[in-house]
């Protein structure tokens, strides 16, 4: 008898695409409403990110007959993290370089104004800090930040949705992963 492995890949792709669509809509909504890209309101995008990851992990548990090991939950969340990080990074790069380069310039200008407002930095220090404010550097930083944040949220989701099957229950083929 052959063990069937139920993969989370389709779920991960589905929920990642949902998040990317919502993220793109929010990005353009922020632009349309002329919200400062460095404003704290941008953190509202974390809510759908977390929600869709948790929905992915929960749906995966449901597909496994209500049982999910911590490792299975983490892996589903981590796959979601990697796919959304890749897709979001591609979108951010295209958005800042092709679709709305003025938004990137707005980020640069706002960042520089905040550094100048501190009043305790010299012009050389401000220029040094601003030299890192490039599309490539910020895009790579966003990718790495997404991976770190997503890994932490994956661990939390795996702990929340973990449900071990009873010790002496028969394990069906669809539960083996």
C-alpha atoms as a PDB file:
ATOM      1  CA  UNK A   1       0.000   0.000   0.000  1.00  0.00           C
ATOM      2  CA  UNK A   2       1.404   3.374  -1.036  1.00  0.00           C
ATOM      3  CA  UNK A   3       1.314   6.376   1.301  1.00  0.00           C
ATOM      4  CA  UNK A   4      -0.233   9.459  -0.229  1.00  0.00           C
ATOM      5  CA  UNK A   5       1.295  12.744   0.768  1.00  0.00           C
ATOM      6  CA  UNK A   6      -1.128  15.643   0.912  1.00  0.00           C
ATOM      7  CA  UNK A   7       0.845  18.700  -0.076  1.00  0.00           C
ATOM      8  CA  UNK A   8       0.158  22.235   1.062  1.00  0.00           C
ATOM      9  CA  UNK A   9       1.483  23.730  -2.184  1.00  0.00           C
ATOM     10  CA  UNK A  10      -1.882  24.520  -3.804  1.00  0.00           C
ATOM     11  CA  UNK A  11      -3.178  26.141  -0.629  1.00  0.00           C
ATOM     12  CA  UNK A  12      -0.002  28.149  -0.205  1.00  0.00           C
ATOM     13  CA  UNK A  13      -0.175  29.473  -3.760  1.00  0.00           C
ATOM     14  CA  UNK A  14      -3.883  30.306  -3.418  1.00  0.00           C
ATOM     15  CA  UNK A  15      -3.493  32.256  -0.170  1.00  0.00           C
ATOM     16  CA  UNK A  16      -0.281  33.936  -1.373  1.00  0.00           C
ATOM     17  CA  UNK A  17      -2.045  35.206  -4.469  1.00  0.00           C
ATOM     18  CA  UNK A  18      -4.955  36.474  -2.343  1.00  0.00           C
ATOM     19  CA  UNK A  19      -2.497  38.416  -0.213  1.00  0.00           C
ATOM     20  CA  UNK A  20      -0.614  39.877  -3.182  1.00  0.00           C
ATOM     21  CA  UNK A  21      -3.855  41.102  -4.767  1.00  0.00           C
ATOM     22  CA  UNK A  22      -4.933  42.731  -1.483  1.00  0.00           C
ATOM     23  CA  UNK A  23      -1.456  44.197  -1.036  1.00  0.00           C
ATOM     24  CA  UNK A  24      -1.487  45.722  -4.525  1.00  0.00           C
ATOM     25  CA  UNK A  25      -4.948  47.188  -3.902  1.00  0.00           C
ATOM     26  CA  UNK A  26      -3.771  48.680  -0.599  1.00  0.00           C
ATOM     27  CA  UNK A  27      -0.628  50.077  -2.249  1.00  0.00           C
ATOM     28  CA  UNK A  28      -2.668  51.929  -4.842  1.00  0.00           C
ATOM     29  CA  UNK A  29      -5.246  52.998  -2.251  1.00  0.00           C
ATOM     30  CA  UNK A  30      -2.450  54.548  -0.173  1.00  0.00           C
ATOM     31  CA  UNK A  31      -1.147  56.299  -3.277  1.00  0.00           C
ATOM     32  CA  UNK A  32      -4.613  57.517  -4.270  1.00  0.00           C
ATOM     33  CA  UNK A  33      -5.251  58.834  -0.747  1.00  0.00           C
ATOM     34  CA  UNK A  34      -1.804  60.476  -0.791  1.00  0.00           C
ATOM     35  CA  UNK A  35      -0.695  58.720   2.391  1.00  0.00           C
ATOM     36  CA  UNK A  36       2.981  59.189   3.252  1.00  0.00           C
ATOM     37  CA  UNK A  37       4.809  55.950   2.332  1.00  0.00           C
ATOM     38  CA  UNK A  38       6.753  56.185   5.612  1.00  0.00           C
ATOM     39  CA  UNK A  39       3.555  56.562   7.638  1.00  0.00           C
ATOM     40  CA  UNK A  40       2.682  53.975  10.257  1.00  0.00           C
ATOM     41  CA  UNK A  41      -0.569  53.271   8.414  1.00  0.00           C
ATOM     42  CA  UNK A  42       1.423  51.059   6.019  1.00  0.00           C
ATOM     43  CA  UNK A  43       1.557  48.455   8.768  1.00  0.00           C
ATOM     44  CA  UNK A  44      -2.128  47.759   8.114  1.00  0.00           C
ATOM     45  CA  UNK A  45      -0.897  45.463   5.309  1.00  0.00           C
ATOM     46  CA  UNK A  46       0.324  43.076   8.018  1.00  0.00           C
ATOM     47  CA  UNK A  47      -3.262  42.232   8.963  1.00  0.00           C
ATOM     48  CA  UNK A  48      -4.187  40.517   5.672  1.00  0.00           C
ATOM     49  CA  UNK A  49      -0.695  38.970   5.542  1.00  0.00           C
ATOM     50  CA  UNK A  50      -1.171  37.339   8.932  1.00  0.00           C
ATOM     51  CA  UNK A  51      -4.819  36.522   8.285  1.00  0.00           C
ATOM     52  CA  UNK A  52      -4.169  34.777   4.984  1.00  0.00           C
ATOM     53  CA  UNK A  53      -1.246  32.821   6.449  1.00  0.00           C
ATOM     54  CA  UNK A  54      -3.410  31.620   9.325  1.00  0.00           C
ATOM     55  CA  UNK A  55      -6.223  30.732   6.908  1.00  0.00           C
ATOM     56  CA  UNK A  56      -3.726  28.744   4.845  1.00  0.00           C
ATOM     57  CA  UNK A  57      -2.518  26.821   7.901  1.00  0.00           C
ATOM     58  CA  UNK A  58      -6.073  26.212   9.127  1.00  0.00           C
ATOM     59  CA  UNK A  59      -7.276  25.022   5.725  1.00  0.00           C
ATOM     60  CA  UNK A  60      -4.306  22.680   5.533  1.00  0.00           C
ATOM     61  CA  UNK A  61      -5.208  21.268   8.960  1.00  0.00           C
ATOM     62  CA  UNK A  62      -8.811  20.805   7.776  1.00  0.00           C
ATOM     63  CA  UNK A  63      -7.579  18.906   4.717  1.00  0.00           C
ATOM     64  CA  UNK A  64      -5.575  16.637   7.015  1.00  0.00           C
ATOM     65  CA  UNK A  65      -8.767  15.550   8.786  1.00  0.00           C
ATOM     66  CA  UNK A  66      -8.382  18.111  11.545  1.00  0.00           C
ATOM     67  CA  UNK A  67      -4.847  17.160  12.548  1.00  0.00           C
ATOM     68  CA  UNK A  68      -1.680  19.135  11.930  1.00  0.00           C
ATOM     69  CA  UNK A  69       1.748  18.656  13.409  1.00  0.00           C
ATOM     70  CA  UNK A  70       3.789  21.684  14.369  1.00  0.00           C
ATOM     71  CA  UNK A  71       6.199  20.909  11.514  1.00  0.00           C
ATOM     72  CA  UNK A  72       3.427  20.664   8.933  1.00  0.00           C
ATOM     73  CA  UNK A  73       1.926  23.949  10.102  1.00  0.00           C
ATOM     74  CA  UNK A  74       5.297  25.688  10.095  1.00  0.00           C
ATOM     75  CA  UNK A  75       6.185  24.365   6.636  1.00  0.00           C
ATOM     76  CA  UNK A  76       2.881  25.561   5.157  1.00  0.00           C
ATOM     77  CA  UNK A  77       3.397  28.989   6.737  1.00  0.00           C
ATOM     78  CA  UNK A  78       7.023  29.162   5.647  1.00  0.00           C
ATOM     79  CA  UNK A  79       6.126  28.277   2.044  1.00  0.00           C
ATOM     80  CA  UNK A  80       3.525  31.050   2.166  1.00  0.00           C
ATOM     81  CA  UNK A  81       6.215  33.390   3.497  1.00  0.00           C
ATOM     82  CA  UNK A  82       8.675  32.589   0.712  1.00  0.00           C
ATOM     83  CA  UNK A  83       6.132  32.861  -2.103  1.00  0.00           C
ATOM     84  CA  UNK A  84       4.629  36.112  -0.823  1.00  0.00           C
ATOM     85  CA  UNK A  85       8.106  37.561  -0.214  1.00  0.00           C
ATOM     86  CA  UNK A  86       9.164  36.772  -3.779  1.00  0.00           C
ATOM     87  CA  UNK A  87       5.949  38.085  -5.344  1.00  0.00           C
ATOM     88  CA  UNK A  88       5.826  41.201  -3.154  1.00  0.00           C
ATOM     89  CA  UNK A  89       9.481  41.964  -3.860  1.00  0.00           C
ATOM     90  CA  UNK A  90       8.888  41.694  -7.598  1.00  0.00           C
ATOM     91  CA  UNK A  91       5.862  43.962  -7.333  1.00  0.00           C
ATOM     92  CA  UNK A  92       7.705  46.521  -5.181  1.00  0.00           C
ATOM     93  CA  UNK A  93      10.609  46.656  -7.614  1.00  0.00           C
ATOM     94  CA  UNK A  94       8.330  47.079 -10.642  1.00  0.00           C
ATOM     95  CA  UNK A  95       6.163  49.586  -8.752  1.00  0.00           C
ATOM     96  CA  UNK A  96       9.106  51.766  -7.726  1.00  0.00           C
ATOM     97  CA  UNK A  97      10.964  51.594 -11.041  1.00  0.00           C
ATOM     98  CA  UNK A  98       8.213  51.483 -13.681  1.00  0.00           C
ATOM     99  CA  UNK A  99       4.682  51.992 -12.364  1.00  0.00           C
ATOM    100  CA  UNK A 100       5.193  54.767  -9.801  1.00  0.00           C
ATOM    101  CA  UNK A 101       8.791  55.944  -9.508  1.00  0.00           C
ATOM    102  CA  UNK A 102       7.504  59.154  -7.916  1.00  0.00           C
ATOM    103  CA  UNK A 103       6.459  57.064  -4.888  1.00  0.00           C
ATOM    104  CA  UNK A 104      10.040  55.924  -4.402  1.00  0.00           C
ATOM    105  CA  UNK A 105      11.223  59.520  -4.613  1.00  0.00           C
ATOM    106  CA  UNK A 106       8.585  60.434  -2.025  1.00  0.00           C
ATOM    107  CA  UNK A 107      10.050  57.766   0.306  1.00  0.00           C
ATOM    108  CA  UNK A 108      13.551  59.179  -0.201  1.00  0.00           C
ATOM    109  CA  UNK A 109      12.411  62.751   0.425  1.00  0.00           C
ATOM    110  CA  UNK A 110      10.404  61.808   3.516  1.00  0.00           C
ATOM    111  CA  UNK A 111      13.296  59.788   4.950  1.00  0.00           C
ATOM    112  CA  UNK A 112      15.722  62.640   4.412  1.00  0.00           C
ATOM    113  CA  UNK A 113      13.332  65.127   6.032  1.00  0.00           C
ATOM    114  CA  UNK A 114      12.994  62.892   9.096  1.00  0.00           C
ATOM    115  CA  UNK A 115      16.771  62.607   9.431  1.00  0.00           C
ATOM    116  CA  UNK A 116      17.166  66.373   9.116  1.00  0.00           C
ATOM    117  CA  UNK A 117      14.402  66.969  11.672  1.00  0.00           C
ATOM    118  CA  UNK A 118      16.323  65.020  14.296  1.00  0.00           C
ATOM    119  CA  UNK A 119      18.835  67.844  14.334  1.00  0.00           C
ATOM    120  CA  UNK A 120      21.648  65.755  15.801  1.00  0.00           C
ATOM    121  CA  UNK A 121      23.095  64.496  12.503  1.00  0.00           C
ATOM    122  CA  UNK A 122      25.626  66.259  10.315  1.00  0.00           C
ATOM    123  CA  UNK A 123      25.080  66.677   6.588  1.00  0.00           C
ATOM    124  CA  UNK A 124      27.727  64.010   5.980  1.00  0.00           C
ATOM    125  CA  UNK A 125      25.904  61.554   8.242  1.00  0.00           C
ATOM    126  CA  UNK A 126      22.599  62.268   6.493  1.00  0.00           C
ATOM    127  CA  UNK A 127      24.206  61.851   3.068  1.00  0.00           C
ATOM    128  CA  UNK A 128      25.804  58.578   4.177  1.00  0.00           C
ATOM    129  CA  UNK A 129      22.442  57.267   5.410  1.00  0.00           C
ATOM    130  CA  UNK A 130      20.726  58.393   2.219  1.00  0.00           C
ATOM    131  CA  UNK A 131      23.315  56.625   0.064  1.00  0.00           C
ATOM    132  CA  UNK A 132      21.669  53.356   1.145  1.00  0.00           C
ATOM    133  CA  UNK A 133      18.273  54.567  -0.006  1.00  0.00           C
ATOM    134  CA  UNK A 134      18.237  52.935  -3.425  1.00  0.00           C
ATOM    135  CA  UNK A 135      15.535  50.844  -5.059  1.00  0.00           C
ATOM    136  CA  UNK A 136      17.760  47.760  -4.994  1.00  0.00           C
ATOM    137  CA  UNK A 137      18.798  48.127  -1.365  1.00  0.00           C
ATOM    138  CA  UNK A 138      15.273  48.813  -0.110  1.00  0.00           C
ATOM    139  CA  UNK A 139      13.823  45.982  -2.211  1.00  0.00           C
ATOM    140  CA  UNK A 140      16.351  43.474  -0.863  1.00  0.00           C
ATOM    141  CA  UNK A 141      15.790  44.773   2.669  1.00  0.00           C
ATOM    142  CA  UNK A 142      12.032  44.324   2.237  1.00  0.00           C
ATOM    143  CA  UNK A 143      12.574  40.754   1.005  1.00  0.00           C
ATOM    144  CA  UNK A 144      14.783  39.841   3.971  1.00  0.00           C
ATOM    145  CA  UNK A 145      12.429  41.556   6.404  1.00  0.00           C
ATOM    146  CA  UNK A 146       9.485  39.639   4.935  1.00  0.00           C
ATOM    147  CA  UNK A 147      11.299  36.343   5.381  1.00  0.00           C
ATOM    148  CA  UNK A 148      12.181  37.077   9.005  1.00  0.00           C
ATOM    149  CA  UNK A 149       8.728  38.376   9.922  1.00  0.00           C
ATOM    150  CA  UNK A 150       7.008  35.561   8.031  1.00  0.00           C
ATOM    151  CA  UNK A 151       9.103  32.895   9.725  1.00  0.00           C
ATOM    152  CA  UNK A 152       8.116  34.219  13.144  1.00  0.00           C
ATOM    153  CA  UNK A 153       4.439  34.378  12.187  1.00  0.00           C
ATOM    154  CA  UNK A 154       4.698  30.849  10.715  1.00  0.00           C
ATOM    155  CA  UNK A 155       5.937  29.582  14.067  1.00  0.00           C
ATOM    156  CA  UNK A 156       3.083  31.305  15.882  1.00  0.00           C
ATOM    157  CA  UNK A 157       0.501  29.954  13.425  1.00  0.00           C
ATOM    158  CA  UNK A 158       1.943  26.444  13.668  1.00  0.00           C
ATOM    159  CA  UNK A 159       1.624  26.603  17.465  1.00  0.00           C
ATOM    160  CA  UNK A 160      -1.961  27.852  17.215  1.00  0.00           C
ATOM    161  CA  UNK A 161      -3.178  25.300  14.666  1.00  0.00           C
ATOM    162  CA  UNK A 162      -1.167  22.309  15.864  1.00  0.00           C
ATOM    163  CA  UNK A 163      -3.397  19.380  16.712  1.00  0.00           C
ATOM    164  CA  UNK A 164      -1.840  15.992  17.147  1.00  0.00           C
ATOM    165  CA  UNK A 165      -3.937  12.914  16.377  1.00  0.00           C
ATOM    166  CA  UNK A 166      -4.709  10.738  19.386  1.00  0.00           C
ATOM    167  CA  UNK A 167      -1.780   8.510  20.235  1.00  0.00           C
ATOM    168  CA  UNK A 168      -3.499   5.230  19.432  1.00  0.00           C
ATOM    169  CA  UNK A 169      -5.686   6.422  16.557  1.00  0.00           C
ATOM    170  CA  UNK A 170      -5.239   4.789  13.197  1.00  0.00           C
ATOM    171  CA  UNK A 171      -3.507   7.120  10.765  1.00  0.00           C
ATOM    172  CA  UNK A 172      -5.020   7.169   7.318  1.00  0.00           C
ATOM    173  CA  UNK A 173      -2.870   7.463   4.215  1.00  0.00           C
ATOM    174  CA  UNK A 174      -3.930  11.083   3.603  1.00  0.00           C
ATOM    175  CA  UNK A 175      -2.570  12.132   6.997  1.00  0.00           C
ATOM    176  CA  UNK A 176       0.975  10.979   6.328  1.00  0.00           C
ATOM    177  CA  UNK A 177       3.197  13.907   5.453  1.00  0.00           C
END
